[in-house]
Amino acid sequence: MQKFYLLFFLVILSNSAAIAQIDSLSAKDKAMLDSMMANDEFLKLMQEKEKNSVDISVGVGNGAFSAHNNAANATGIINQLIFTPSVIYRIKNGFSFGLTGFLTDNSAGKTELYQTGINGAYDYYGKKITAGISYTRYVSDRNKYNSKSLYQNDIYGYLKRAKGILQPGLSAGFANGKYKEVVFRSELVTYPIPLSIPRRDTTVLISGYDSTDNASSYFSVSANVSHDFSFYKIFSKDDEFDFTPTLIVNFGSDKLTLTHTNKIFDRLRLKRLQNKRQVESTNKFQLQSAAVSFDFTYSIGKFFLQPNLYLDYYLPETTANRLSTIFSVTAGVSF
């Protein structure tokens, strides 16, 4: 009986000590603990992965070809603003599905939708690495002359170290497609014998609008190193600012086949033009450019703002401008 009372007394004493330990946390201590839990990036990531979400956003920039691969965008910068409204549904298991429109002014100065991107992706967030792969199908009116919609298929993947002072990574992309283009051309063509035209000249000026059916493909591999900076409670207790600078080296290859559709190329006597009916241009896989990217994200509540600046310096010999500048600003809500 005495043993029973002794055991009972010890149980009560231990429970009282446990209760005393729990109650010993002051309101300030509890607030500090809650803040630590809220500001831990890994815990936040785990919390975000526990639920599905929808992102609705509108962006503006000058990247015309790809929604993910700036190395591809740097191959052709246009002096026009491109607006990109987007809806993305993110599933807690890492998959996401999205729809993005690409709008810009046409030759008449009227804003029009020149292509729509239908995207499916998977992203993995681990303790040591982050990785992902995406496929985008670009839909456009291929019967129109549209040199801004080069690709119909765009595959992009990345691998990156999740933590550390320096976070190395690799990415690869492949895009291909067909498009129509029309340009004004003027060319002198010389022949060894006179042509059967009233003046019987041996030199003829060929000028006018030249239309082509084009097939293009682009493959890139990029090595990069970056660091993630995160800041909390800047203007509010629930806001966050992330900044990621990245140094990049791009390798790539591309192929472009132009088939002239102008009827002048069907004239049998213009043999020199017939030889130019189809032109193929190929660049082998090589070191292509060095680049730097600055990614910013500011979020408060459900709202987010994402500016991006990408500077690409082309390394092989060229007569064109070596430096390409790509920028974008995206604003949206997530719920």
C-alpha atoms as a PDB file:
ATOM      1  CA  MET A   1       0.000   0.000   0.000  1.00  0.00           C
ATOM      2  CA  GLN A   2       2.831   2.393   0.852  1.00  0.00           C
ATOM      3  CA  LYS A   3       4.440   1.588  -2.506  1.00  0.00           C
ATOM      4  CA  PHE A   4       1.178   2.527  -4.234  1.00  0.00           C
ATOM      5  CA  TYR A   5       1.012   5.921  -2.482  1.00  0.00           C
ATOM      6  CA  LEU A   6       4.671   6.526  -3.275  1.00  0.00           C
ATOM      7  CA  LEU A   7       4.136   5.720  -6.980  1.00  0.00           C
ATOM      8  CA  PHE A   8       1.026   7.912  -7.080  1.00  0.00           C
ATOM      9  CA  PHE A   9       2.933  10.782  -5.487  1.00  0.00           C
ATOM     10  CA  LEU A  10       5.766  10.509  -8.055  1.00  0.00           C
ATOM     11  CA  VAL A  11       3.316  10.546 -10.990  1.00  0.00           C
ATOM     12  CA  ILE A  12       1.590  13.675  -9.661  1.00  0.00           C
ATOM     13  CA  LEU A  13       4.952  15.339  -9.059  1.00  0.00           C
ATOM     14  CA  SER A  14       6.223  14.595 -12.570  1.00  0.00           C
ATOM     15  CA  ASN A  15       3.015  15.898 -14.180  1.00  0.00           C
ATOM     16  CA  SER A  16       3.212  19.070 -12.109  1.00  0.00           C
ATOM     17  CA  ALA A  17       6.806  19.594 -13.228  1.00  0.00           C
ATOM     18  CA  ALA A  18       5.811  19.112 -16.879  1.00  0.00           C
ATOM     19  CA  ILE A  19       2.953  21.598 -16.508  1.00  0.00           C
ATOM     20  CA  ALA A  20       5.310  24.045 -14.842  1.00  0.00           C
ATOM     21  CA  GLN A  21       7.762  23.706 -17.761  1.00  0.00           C
ATOM     22  CA  ILE A  22       5.036  24.398 -20.328  1.00  0.00           C
ATOM     23  CA  ASP A  23       3.688  27.387 -18.417  1.00  0.00           C
ATOM     24  CA  SER A  24       7.197  28.778 -17.928  1.00  0.00           C
ATOM     25  CA  LEU A  25       7.187  30.061 -21.577  1.00  0.00           C
ATOM     26  CA  SER A  26       6.255  33.712 -21.473  1.00  0.00           C
ATOM     27  CA  ALA A  27       4.158  35.401 -24.126  1.00  0.00           C
ATOM     28  CA  LYS A  28       7.350  36.966 -25.501  1.00  0.00           C
ATOM     29  CA  ASP A  29       9.053  33.569 -25.713  1.00  0.00           C
ATOM     30  CA  LYS A  30       6.047  32.079 -27.495  1.00  0.00           C
ATOM     31  CA  ALA A  31       5.987  34.969 -29.968  1.00  0.00           C
ATOM     32  CA  MET A  32       9.706  34.501 -30.636  1.00  0.00           C
ATOM     33  CA  LEU A  33       9.222  30.767 -31.195  1.00  0.00           C
ATOM     34  CA  ASP A  34       6.321  31.405 -33.578  1.00  0.00           C
ATOM     35  CA  SER A  35       8.483  33.897 -35.483  1.00  0.00           C
ATOM     36  CA  MET A  36      11.325  31.382 -35.779  1.00  0.00           C
ATOM     37  CA  MET A  37       8.923  28.757 -37.102  1.00  0.00           C
ATOM     38  CA  ALA A  38       7.389  31.199 -39.578  1.00  0.00           C
ATOM     39  CA  ASN A  39      10.733  32.447 -40.883  1.00  0.00           C
ATOM     40  CA  ASP A  40      12.383  29.081 -41.374  1.00  0.00           C
ATOM     41  CA  GLU A  41      12.475  28.601 -45.155  1.00  0.00           C
ATOM     42  CA  PHE A  42      12.410  24.814 -44.979  1.00  0.00           C
ATOM     43  CA  LEU A  43       9.377  24.750 -42.687  1.00  0.00           C
ATOM     44  CA  LYS A  44       7.637  27.294 -44.904  1.00  0.00           C
ATOM     45  CA  LEU A  45       8.379  25.135 -47.910  1.00  0.00           C
ATOM     46  CA  MET A  46       6.948  22.072 -46.181  1.00  0.00           C
ATOM     47  CA  GLN A  47       3.830  24.012 -45.236  1.00  0.00           C
ATOM     48  CA  GLU A  48       3.356  25.286 -48.772  1.00  0.00           C
ATOM     49  CA  LYS A  49       3.689  21.777 -50.210  1.00  0.00           C
ATOM     50  CA  GLU A  50       0.823  20.554 -48.044  1.00  0.00           C
ATOM     51  CA  LYS A  51      -1.809  22.354 -50.104  1.00  0.00           C
ATOM     52  CA  ASN A  52      -2.694  23.071 -53.714  1.00  0.00           C
ATOM     53  CA  SER A  53      -2.577  26.651 -54.966  1.00  0.00           C
ATOM     54  CA  VAL A  54      -3.465  28.844 -57.939  1.00  0.00           C
ATOM     55  CA  ASP A  55      -1.284  31.689 -59.264  1.00  0.00           C
ATOM     56  CA  ILE A  56      -2.903  34.410 -61.375  1.00  0.00           C
ATOM     57  CA  SER A  57      -0.460  36.948 -62.791  1.00  0.00           C
ATOM     58  CA  VAL A  58       0.296  39.469 -65.528  1.00  0.00           C
ATOM     59  CA  GLY A  59       3.812  40.082 -66.793  1.00  0.00           C
ATOM     60  CA  VAL A  60       5.501  42.507 -69.165  1.00  0.00           C
ATOM     61  CA  GLY A  61       8.918  42.121 -70.784  1.00  0.00           C
ATOM     62  CA  ASN A  62      10.780  41.516 -74.044  1.00  0.00           C
ATOM     63  CA  GLY A  63      11.363  37.737 -74.018  1.00  0.00           C
ATOM     64  CA  ALA A  64       9.441  36.651 -77.099  1.00  0.00           C
ATOM     65  CA  PHE A  65      10.094  32.948 -77.595  1.00  0.00           C
ATOM     66  CA  SER A  66      10.264  30.961 -74.350  1.00  0.00           C
ATOM     67  CA  ALA A  67       8.627  31.338 -70.938  1.00  0.00           C
ATOM     68  CA  HIS A  68      11.473  29.476 -69.189  1.00  0.00           C
ATOM     69  CA  ASN A  69      14.670  29.573 -71.265  1.00  0.00           C
ATOM     70  CA  ASN A  70      16.318  33.004 -71.493  1.00  0.00           C
ATOM     71  CA  ALA A  71      19.209  31.499 -73.459  1.00  0.00           C
ATOM     72  CA  ALA A  72      16.686  30.878 -76.249  1.00  0.00           C
ATOM     73  CA  ASN A  73      15.170  34.342 -75.842  1.00  0.00           C
ATOM     74  CA  ALA A  74      18.616  35.937 -76.196  1.00  0.00           C
ATOM     75  CA  THR A  75      18.923  34.575 -79.753  1.00  0.00           C
ATOM     76  CA  GLY A  76      16.429  37.177 -80.971  1.00  0.00           C
ATOM     77  CA  ILE A  77      15.433  40.302 -79.043  1.00  0.00           C
ATOM     78  CA  ILE A  78      12.564  42.391 -80.394  1.00  0.00           C
ATOM     79  CA  ASN A  79      12.072  46.071 -79.601  1.00  0.00           C
ATOM     80  CA  GLN A  80       8.535  45.532 -78.374  1.00  0.00           C
ATOM     81  CA  LEU A  81       6.878  45.032 -75.023  1.00  0.00           C
ATOM     82  CA  ILE A  82       5.245  41.634 -74.609  1.00  0.00           C
ATOM     83  CA  PHE A  83       2.404  41.151 -72.133  1.00  0.00           C
ATOM     84  CA  THR A  84       1.955  37.706 -70.579  1.00  0.00           C
ATOM     85  CA  PRO A  85      -1.226  37.026 -68.572  1.00  0.00           C
ATOM     86  CA  SER A  86      -0.952  33.630 -66.889  1.00  0.00           C
ATOM     87  CA  VAL A  87      -2.870  31.145 -64.746  1.00  0.00           C
ATOM     88  CA  ILE A  88      -0.968  28.289 -63.035  1.00  0.00           C
ATOM     89  CA  TYR A  89      -2.461  25.528 -60.889  1.00  0.00           C
ATOM     90  CA  ARG A  90       0.104  24.014 -58.519  1.00  0.00           C
ATOM     91  CA  ILE A  91      -0.515  20.627 -56.893  1.00  0.00           C
ATOM     92  CA  LYS A  92       1.046  19.775 -53.529  1.00  0.00           C
ATOM     93  CA  ASN A  93       2.848  16.750 -55.015  1.00  0.00           C
ATOM     94  CA  GLY A  94       5.022  19.030 -57.206  1.00  0.00           C
ATOM     95  CA  PHE A  95       3.089  18.979 -60.483  1.00  0.00           C
ATOM     96  CA  SER A  96       1.739  22.163 -62.033  1.00  0.00           C
ATOM     97  CA  PHE A  97      -0.305  23.083 -65.097  1.00  0.00           C
ATOM     98  CA  GLY A  98      -0.568  26.515 -66.654  1.00  0.00           C
ATOM     99  CA  LEU A  99      -1.840  28.666 -69.488  1.00  0.00           C
ATOM    100  CA  THR A 100       0.029  31.786 -70.666  1.00  0.00           C
ATOM    101  CA  GLY A 101      -0.891  34.281 -73.366  1.00  0.00           C
ATOM    102  CA  PHE A 102       1.690  36.324 -75.315  1.00  0.00           C
ATOM    103  CA  LEU A 103       0.415  39.676 -76.566  1.00  0.00           C
ATOM    104  CA  THR A 104       2.186  42.512 -78.393  1.00  0.00           C
ATOM    105  CA  ASP A 105       1.492  45.162 -81.031  1.00  0.00           C
ATOM    106  CA  ASN A 106       1.230  44.079 -84.667  1.00  0.00           C
ATOM    107  CA  SER A 107       2.450  46.086 -87.667  1.00  0.00           C
ATOM    108  CA  ALA A 108      -0.709  48.210 -87.504  1.00  0.00           C
ATOM    109  CA  GLY A 109      -0.062  49.150 -83.873  1.00  0.00           C
ATOM    110  CA  LYS A 110      -2.912  47.015 -82.543  1.00  0.00           C
ATOM    111  CA  THR A 111      -2.292  44.699 -79.586  1.00  0.00           C
ATOM    112  CA  GLU A 112      -2.951  41.074 -80.494  1.00  0.00           C
ATOM    113  CA  LEU A 113      -2.390  37.580 -79.106  1.00  0.00           C
ATOM    114  CA  TYR A 114       0.393  36.029 -81.189  1.00  0.00           C
ATOM    115  CA  GLN A 115       0.794  32.748 -79.283  1.00  0.00           C
ATOM    116  CA  THR A 116      -0.528  30.809 -76.280  1.00  0.00           C
ATOM    117  CA  GLY A 117       1.620  28.562 -74.102  1.00  0.00           C
ATOM    118  CA  ILE A 118       0.114  25.426 -72.535  1.00  0.00           C
ATOM    119  CA  ASN A 119       2.487  24.221 -69.837  1.00  0.00           C
ATOM    120  CA  GLY A 120       2.942  21.141 -67.668  1.00  0.00           C
ATOM    121  CA  ALA A 121       5.762  20.879 -65.123  1.00  0.00           C
ATOM    122  CA  TYR A 122       7.111  18.989 -62.133  1.00  0.00           C
ATOM    123  CA  ASP A 123       9.313  20.556 -59.434  1.00  0.00           C
ATOM    124  CA  TYR A 124      11.119  18.736 -56.634  1.00  0.00           C
ATOM    125  CA  TYR A 125      12.249  20.559 -53.481  1.00  0.00           C
ATOM    126  CA  GLY A 126      14.615  18.451 -51.403  1.00  0.00           C
ATOM    127  CA  LYS A 127      16.934  19.147 -48.501  1.00  0.00           C
ATOM    128  CA  LYS A 128      20.005  18.918 -50.754  1.00  0.00           C
ATOM    129  CA  ILE A 129      18.778  19.667 -54.281  1.00  0.00           C
ATOM    130  CA  THR A 130      15.948  21.300 -56.167  1.00  0.00           C
ATOM    131  CA  ALA A 131      15.087  20.029 -59.639  1.00  0.00           C
ATOM    132  CA  GLY A 132      12.369  20.344 -62.213  1.00  0.00           C
ATOM    133  CA  ILE A 133      11.272  19.726 -65.770  1.00  0.00           C
ATOM    134  CA  SER A 134       8.637  21.443 -67.883  1.00  0.00           C
ATOM    135  CA  TYR A 135       7.068  21.109 -71.317  1.00  0.00           C
ATOM    136  CA  THR A 136       5.313  23.963 -73.077  1.00  0.00           C
ATOM    137  CA  ARG A 137       3.268  23.683 -76.242  1.00  0.00           C
ATOM    138  CA  TYR A 138       2.965  27.006 -78.061  1.00  0.00           C
ATOM    139  CA  VAL A 139      -0.182  27.407 -80.141  1.00  0.00           C
ATOM    140  CA  SER A 140      -0.419  30.100 -82.825  1.00  0.00           C
ATOM    141  CA  ASP A 141      -1.887  30.742 -86.263  1.00  0.00           C
ATOM    142  CA  ARG A 142       0.803  29.203 -88.449  1.00  0.00           C
ATOM    143  CA  ASN A 143      -0.847  30.583 -91.599  1.00  0.00           C
ATOM    144  CA  LYS A 144       0.151  34.099 -90.516  1.00  0.00           C
ATOM    145  CA  TYR A 145       3.552  35.659 -91.010  1.00  0.00           C
ATOM    146  CA  ASN A 146       4.812  35.577 -87.438  1.00  0.00           C
ATOM    147  CA  SER A 147       8.541  35.761 -86.700  1.00  0.00           C
ATOM    148  CA  LYS A 148       7.877  36.089 -82.940  1.00  0.00           C
ATOM    149  CA  SER A 149       6.452  32.585 -82.601  1.00  0.00           C
ATOM    150  CA  LEU A 150       9.445  30.462 -83.647  1.00  0.00           C
ATOM    151  CA  TYR A 151       8.711  27.320 -81.647  1.00  0.00           C
ATOM    152  CA  GLN A 152       5.803  25.002 -80.997  1.00  0.00           C
ATOM    153  CA  ASN A 153       7.615  22.709 -78.554  1.00  0.00           C
ATOM    154  CA  ASP A 154       9.746  23.851 -75.610  1.00  0.00           C
ATOM    155  CA  ILE A 155      11.319  21.441 -73.085  1.00  0.00           C
ATOM    156  CA  TYR A 156      13.311  22.789 -70.149  1.00  0.00           C
ATOM    157  CA  GLY A 157      14.904  21.135 -67.106  1.00  0.00           C
ATOM    158  CA  TYR A 158      17.075  22.263 -64.216  1.00  0.00           C
ATOM    159  CA  LEU A 159      19.046  20.908 -61.248  1.00  0.00           C
ATOM    160  CA  LYS A 160      20.366  23.055 -58.397  1.00  0.00           C
ATOM    161  CA  ARG A 161      21.951  22.677 -54.990  1.00  0.00           C
ATOM    162  CA  ALA A 162      19.332  23.662 -52.424  1.00  0.00           C
ATOM    163  CA  LYS A 163      21.515  25.335 -49.798  1.00  0.00           C
ATOM    164  CA  GLY A 164      24.967  26.771 -49.248  1.00  0.00           C
ATOM    165  CA  ILE A 165      26.922  29.939 -49.819  1.00  0.00           C
ATOM    166  CA  LEU A 166      27.404  28.947 -53.461  1.00  0.00           C
ATOM    167  CA  GLN A 167      24.651  26.934 -55.149  1.00  0.00           C
ATOM    168  CA  PRO A 168      25.855  25.378 -58.429  1.00  0.00           C
ATOM    169  CA  GLY A 169      23.336  24.201 -60.974  1.00  0.00           C
ATOM    170  CA  LEU A 170      22.740  22.863 -64.474  1.00  0.00           C
ATOM    171  CA  SER A 171      19.917  23.463 -66.920  1.00  0.00           C
ATOM    172  CA  ALA A 172      19.100  22.245 -70.421  1.00  0.00           C
ATOM    173  CA  GLY A 173      16.513  23.207 -72.981  1.00  0.00           C
ATOM    174  CA  PHE A 174      15.314  22.158 -76.427  1.00  0.00           C
ATOM    175  CA  ALA A 175      12.840  23.982 -78.643  1.00  0.00           C
ATOM    176  CA  ASN A 176      11.687  23.469 -82.226  1.00  0.00           C
ATOM    177  CA  GLY A 177       8.946  24.633 -84.530  1.00  0.00           C
ATOM    178  CA  LYS A 178       7.860  26.132 -87.840  1.00  0.00           C
ATOM    179  CA  TYR A 179       6.831  29.652 -88.759  1.00  0.00           C
ATOM    180  CA  LYS A 180       6.226  31.955 -91.735  1.00  0.00           C
ATOM    181  CA  GLU A 181       8.105  35.179 -92.348  1.00  0.00           C
ATOM    182  CA  VAL A 182       7.956  37.992 -94.896  1.00  0.00           C
ATOM    183  CA  VAL A 183      10.714  40.575 -95.498  1.00  0.00           C
ATOM    184  CA  PHE A 184      11.439  43.169 -98.173  1.00  0.00           C
ATOM    185  CA  ARG A 185      14.431  42.204-100.324  1.00  0.00           C
ATOM    186  CA  SER A 186      16.386  43.935-103.083  1.00  0.00           C
ATOM    187  CA  GLU A 187      19.116  42.044-104.963  1.00  0.00           C
ATOM    188  CA  LEU A 188      21.020  42.373-108.242  1.00  0.00           C
ATOM    189  CA  VAL A 189      21.226  39.086-110.158  1.00  0.00           C
ATOM    190  CA  THR A 190      23.750  38.752-113.041  1.00  0.00           C
ATOM    191  CA  TYR A 191      23.559  36.109-115.813  1.00  0.00           C
ATOM    192  CA  PRO A 192      26.143  35.111-118.471  1.00  0.00           C
ATOM    193  CA  ILE A 193      23.609  35.401-121.315  1.00  0.00           C
ATOM    194  CA  PRO A 194      20.884  37.998-121.889  1.00  0.00           C
ATOM    195  CA  LEU A 195      17.443  37.207-120.547  1.00  0.00           C
ATOM    196  CA  SER A 196      14.443  36.966-122.884  1.00  0.00           C
ATOM    197  CA  ILE A 197      12.945  40.236-121.771  1.00  0.00           C
ATOM    198  CA  PRO A 198      12.512  43.391-123.906  1.00  0.00           C
ATOM    199  CA  ARG A 199      15.831  44.983-122.846  1.00  0.00           C
ATOM    200  CA  ARG A 200      17.737  41.654-122.938  1.00  0.00           C
ATOM    201  CA  ASP A 201      19.823  42.651-119.915  1.00  0.00           C
ATOM    202  CA  THR A 202      22.272  40.357-118.174  1.00  0.00           C
ATOM    203  CA  THR A 203      21.791  42.091-114.820  1.00  0.00           C
ATOM    204  CA  VAL A 204      18.353  42.276-113.234  1.00  0.00           C
ATOM    205  CA  LEU A 205      17.226  43.974-110.040  1.00  0.00           C
ATOM    206  CA  ILE A 206      14.967  41.664-108.062  1.00  0.00           C
ATOM    207  CA  SER A 207      13.044  43.551-105.385  1.00  0.00           C
ATOM    208  CA  GLY A 208       9.857  43.044-103.432  1.00  0.00           C
ATOM    209  CA  TYR A 209       8.473  41.175-100.470  1.00  0.00           C
ATOM    210  CA  ASP A 210      10.013  37.754-100.005  1.00  0.00           C
ATOM    211  CA  SER A 211       8.002  35.155 -98.080  1.00  0.00           C
ATOM    212  CA  THR A 212       9.539  32.065 -96.499  1.00  0.00           C
ATOM    213  CA  ASP A 213       8.443  28.931 -94.668  1.00  0.00           C
ATOM    214  CA  ASN A 214      10.948  28.363 -91.875  1.00  0.00           C
ATOM    215  CA  ALA A 215      11.840  25.439 -89.610  1.00  0.00           C
ATOM    216  CA  SER A 216      13.961  26.169 -86.544  1.00  0.00           C
ATOM    217  CA  SER A 217      15.420  24.258 -83.609  1.00  0.00           C
ATOM    218  CA  TYR A 218      17.550  25.280 -80.644  1.00  0.00           C
ATOM    219  CA  PHE A 219      19.372  23.223 -77.998  1.00  0.00           C
ATOM    220  CA  SER A 220      21.117  24.701 -74.960  1.00  0.00           C
ATOM    221  CA  VAL A 221      22.992  23.540 -71.865  1.00  0.00           C
ATOM    222  CA  SER A 222      23.845  26.006 -69.102  1.00  0.00           C
ATOM    223  CA  ALA A 223      26.112  25.794 -66.066  1.00  0.00           C
ATOM    224  CA  ASN A 224      25.444  28.310 -63.324  1.00  0.00           C
ATOM    225  CA  VAL A 225      26.201  29.292 -59.748  1.00  0.00           C
ATOM    226  CA  SER A 226      23.927  31.385 -57.538  1.00  0.00           C
ATOM    227  CA  HIS A 227      23.064  32.334 -53.980  1.00  0.00           C
ATOM    228  CA  ASP A 228      19.652  32.941 -52.427  1.00  0.00           C
ATOM    229  CA  PHE A 229      19.218  35.958 -50.158  1.00  0.00           C
ATOM    230  CA  SER A 230      16.030  36.190 -48.068  1.00  0.00           C
ATOM    231  CA  PHE A 231      14.820  39.079 -45.923  1.00  0.00           C
ATOM    232  CA  TYR A 232      11.735  39.169 -43.712  1.00  0.00           C
ATOM    233  CA  LYS A 233       9.500  41.796 -42.109  1.00  0.00           C
ATOM    234  CA  ILE A 234      10.662  44.657 -44.319  1.00  0.00           C
ATOM    235  CA  PHE A 235       7.469  46.716 -44.469  1.00  0.00           C
ATOM    236  CA  SER A 236       5.101  44.360 -42.676  1.00  0.00           C
ATOM    237  CA  LYS A 237       5.206  41.439 -40.268  1.00  0.00           C
ATOM    238  CA  ASP A 238       4.165  39.010 -43.018  1.00  0.00           C
ATOM    239  CA  ASP A 239       6.189  40.177 -46.038  1.00  0.00           C
ATOM    240  CA  GLU A 240       9.332  38.663 -47.569  1.00  0.00           C
ATOM    241  CA  PHE A 241      11.957  39.745 -50.093  1.00  0.00           C
ATOM    242  CA  ASP A 242      14.109  37.207 -51.984  1.00  0.00           C
ATOM    243  CA  PHE A 243      17.054  38.100 -54.219  1.00  0.00           C
ATOM    244  CA  THR A 244      19.010  35.587 -56.321  1.00  0.00           C
ATOM    245  CA  PRO A 245      21.997  36.681 -58.450  1.00  0.00           C
ATOM    246  CA  THR A 246      23.245  34.000 -60.874  1.00  0.00           C
ATOM    247  CA  LEU A 247      26.342  33.688 -63.061  1.00  0.00           C
ATOM    248  CA  ILE A 248      25.738  31.571 -66.173  1.00  0.00           C
ATOM    249  CA  VAL A 249      27.744  30.014 -69.005  1.00  0.00           C
ATOM    250  CA  ASN A 250      25.627  28.923 -71.987  1.00  0.00           C
ATOM    251  CA  PHE A 251      26.445  26.269 -74.579  1.00  0.00           C
ATOM    252  CA  GLY A 252      24.172  25.767 -77.565  1.00  0.00           C
ATOM    253  CA  SER A 253      23.482  24.693 -81.130  1.00  0.00           C
ATOM    254  CA  ASP A 254      20.788  25.745 -83.584  1.00  0.00           C
ATOM    255  CA  LYS A 255      19.485  25.038 -87.051  1.00  0.00           C
ATOM    256  CA  LEU A 256      17.339  27.155 -89.370  1.00  0.00           C
ATOM    257  CA  THR A 257      15.925  26.090 -92.743  1.00  0.00           C
ATOM    258  CA  LEU A 258      14.323  28.751 -94.976  1.00  0.00           C
ATOM    259  CA  THR A 259      12.188  27.756 -97.959  1.00  0.00           C
ATOM    260  CA  HIS A 260      11.239  30.653-100.235  1.00  0.00           C
ATOM    261  CA  THR A 261       7.602  30.610-101.332  1.00  0.00           C
ATOM    262  CA  ASN A 262       7.678  33.648-103.646  1.00  0.00           C
ATOM    263  CA  LYS A 263       6.588  32.625-107.169  1.00  0.00           C
ATOM    264  CA  ILE A 264       9.655  34.264-108.694  1.00  0.00           C
ATOM    265  CA  PHE A 265      11.651  31.253-107.523  1.00  0.00           C
ATOM    266  CA  ASP A 266       9.533  29.023-109.804  1.00  0.00           C
ATOM    267  CA  ARG A 267      10.717  30.720-112.989  1.00  0.00           C
ATOM    268  CA  LEU A 268      12.881  28.205-114.778  1.00  0.00           C
ATOM    269  CA  ARG A 269      15.212  30.754-116.390  1.00  0.00           C
ATOM    270  CA  LEU A 270      16.286  32.209-113.052  1.00  0.00           C
ATOM    271  CA  LYS A 271      18.591  29.345-112.195  1.00  0.00           C
ATOM    272  CA  ARG A 272      20.522  31.419-109.673  1.00  0.00           C
ATOM    273  CA  LEU A 273      17.329  32.074-107.746  1.00  0.00           C
ATOM    274  CA  GLN A 274      16.337  28.414-107.918  1.00  0.00           C
ATOM    275  CA  ASN A 275      19.583  27.525-106.185  1.00  0.00           C
ATOM    276  CA  LYS A 276      18.577  29.857-103.354  1.00  0.00           C
ATOM    277  CA  ARG A 277      15.042  28.496-103.028  1.00  0.00           C
ATOM    278  CA  GLN A 278      15.989  26.639 -99.826  1.00  0.00           C
ATOM    279  CA  VAL A 279      18.705  27.861 -97.485  1.00  0.00           C
ATOM    280  CA  GLU A 280      19.952  26.001 -94.420  1.00  0.00           C
ATOM    281  CA  SER A 281      21.959  27.566 -91.605  1.00  0.00           C
ATOM    282  CA  THR A 282      23.474  25.441 -88.830  1.00  0.00           C
ATOM    283  CA  ASN A 283      25.603  26.330 -85.825  1.00  0.00           C
ATOM    284  CA  LYS A 284      27.342  23.413 -84.143  1.00  0.00           C
ATOM    285  CA  PHE A 285      27.257  22.883 -80.382  1.00  0.00           C
ATOM    286  CA  GLN A 286      29.675  25.396 -78.892  1.00  0.00           C
ATOM    287  CA  LEU A 287      30.307  27.845 -76.101  1.00  0.00           C
ATOM    288  CA  GLN A 288      27.691  30.452 -76.858  1.00  0.00           C
ATOM    289  CA  SER A 289      27.535  33.163 -74.221  1.00  0.00           C
ATOM    290  CA  ALA A 290      28.256  34.317 -70.689  1.00  0.00           C
ATOM    291  CA  ALA A 291      25.328  35.737 -68.769  1.00  0.00           C
ATOM    292  CA  VAL A 292      24.211  37.099 -65.437  1.00  0.00           C
ATOM    293  CA  SER A 293      20.680  36.984 -64.063  1.00  0.00           C
ATOM    294  CA  PHE A 294      19.099  38.955 -61.229  1.00  0.00           C
ATOM    295  CA  ASP A 295      15.853  37.508 -59.863  1.00  0.00           C
ATOM    296  CA  PHE A 296      13.786  39.405 -57.306  1.00  0.00           C
ATOM    297  CA  THR A 297      10.615  38.334 -55.488  1.00  0.00           C
ATOM    298  CA  TYR A 298       8.636  40.425 -53.031  1.00  0.00           C
ATOM    299  CA  SER A 299       5.589  38.847 -51.411  1.00  0.00           C
ATOM    300  CA  ILE A 300       3.095  40.060 -48.840  1.00  0.00           C
ATOM    301  CA  GLY A 301       0.069  37.980 -48.020  1.00  0.00           C
ATOM    302  CA  LYS A 302      -1.287  36.547 -51.271  1.00  0.00           C
ATOM    303  CA  PHE A 303       0.346  39.195 -53.480  1.00  0.00           C
ATOM    304  CA  PHE A 304       3.738  38.774 -55.199  1.00  0.00           C
ATOM    305  CA  LEU A 305       5.939  40.916 -57.442  1.00  0.00           C
ATOM    306  CA  GLN A 306       8.768  39.363 -59.504  1.00  0.00           C
ATOM    307  CA  PRO A 307      11.194  41.562 -61.497  1.00  0.00           C
ATOM    308  CA  ASN A 308      13.943  39.831 -63.510  1.00  0.00           C
ATOM    309  CA  LEU A 309      16.953  41.160 -65.422  1.00  0.00           C
ATOM    310  CA  TYR A 310      19.040  38.913 -67.709  1.00  0.00           C
ATOM    311  CA  LEU A 311      22.214  40.142 -69.456  1.00  0.00           C
ATOM    312  CA  ASP A 312      23.700  37.867 -72.141  1.00  0.00           C
ATOM    313  CA  TYR A 313      27.052  38.454 -73.881  1.00  0.00           C
ATOM    314  CA  TYR A 314      27.490  36.473 -77.127  1.00  0.00           C
ATOM    315  CA  LEU A 315      31.013  34.997 -77.420  1.00  0.00           C
ATOM    316  CA  PRO A 316      31.465  33.580 -80.983  1.00  0.00           C
ATOM    317  CA  GLU A 317      32.495  35.875 -83.829  1.00  0.00           C
ATOM    318  CA  THR A 318      29.613  38.012 -85.078  1.00  0.00           C
ATOM    319  CA  THR A 319      28.870  41.363 -86.704  1.00  0.00           C
ATOM    320  CA  ALA A 320      25.706  41.815 -84.640  1.00  0.00           C
ATOM    321  CA  ASN A 321      25.423  43.356 -81.199  1.00  0.00           C
ATOM    322  CA  ARG A 322      26.936  40.935 -78.681  1.00  0.00           C
ATOM    323  CA  LEU A 323      25.019  42.130 -75.616  1.00  0.00           C
ATOM    324  CA  SER A 324      21.369  41.140 -75.214  1.00  0.00           C
ATOM    325  CA  THR A 325      19.226  42.496 -72.397  1.00  0.00           C
ATOM    326  CA  ILE A 326      16.080  40.645 -71.367  1.00  0.00           C
ATOM    327  CA  PHE A 327      13.802  41.944 -68.653  1.00  0.00           C
ATOM    328  CA  SER A 328      10.420  41.119 -67.190  1.00  0.00           C
ATOM    329  CA  VAL A 329       8.184  42.270 -64.353  1.00  0.00           C
ATOM    330  CA  THR A 330       5.395  39.983 -63.129  1.00  0.00           C
ATOM    331  CA  ALA A 331       2.709  40.802 -60.572  1.00  0.00           C
ATOM    332  CA  GLY A 332       0.079  38.410 -59.296  1.00  0.00           C
ATOM    333  CA  VAL A 333      -1.800  36.734 -56.487  1.00  0.00           C
ATOM    334  CA  SER A 334      -1.547  33.210 -55.100  1.00  0.00           C
ATOM    335  CA  PHE A 335      -4.346  31.450 -53.255  1.00  0.00           C
END
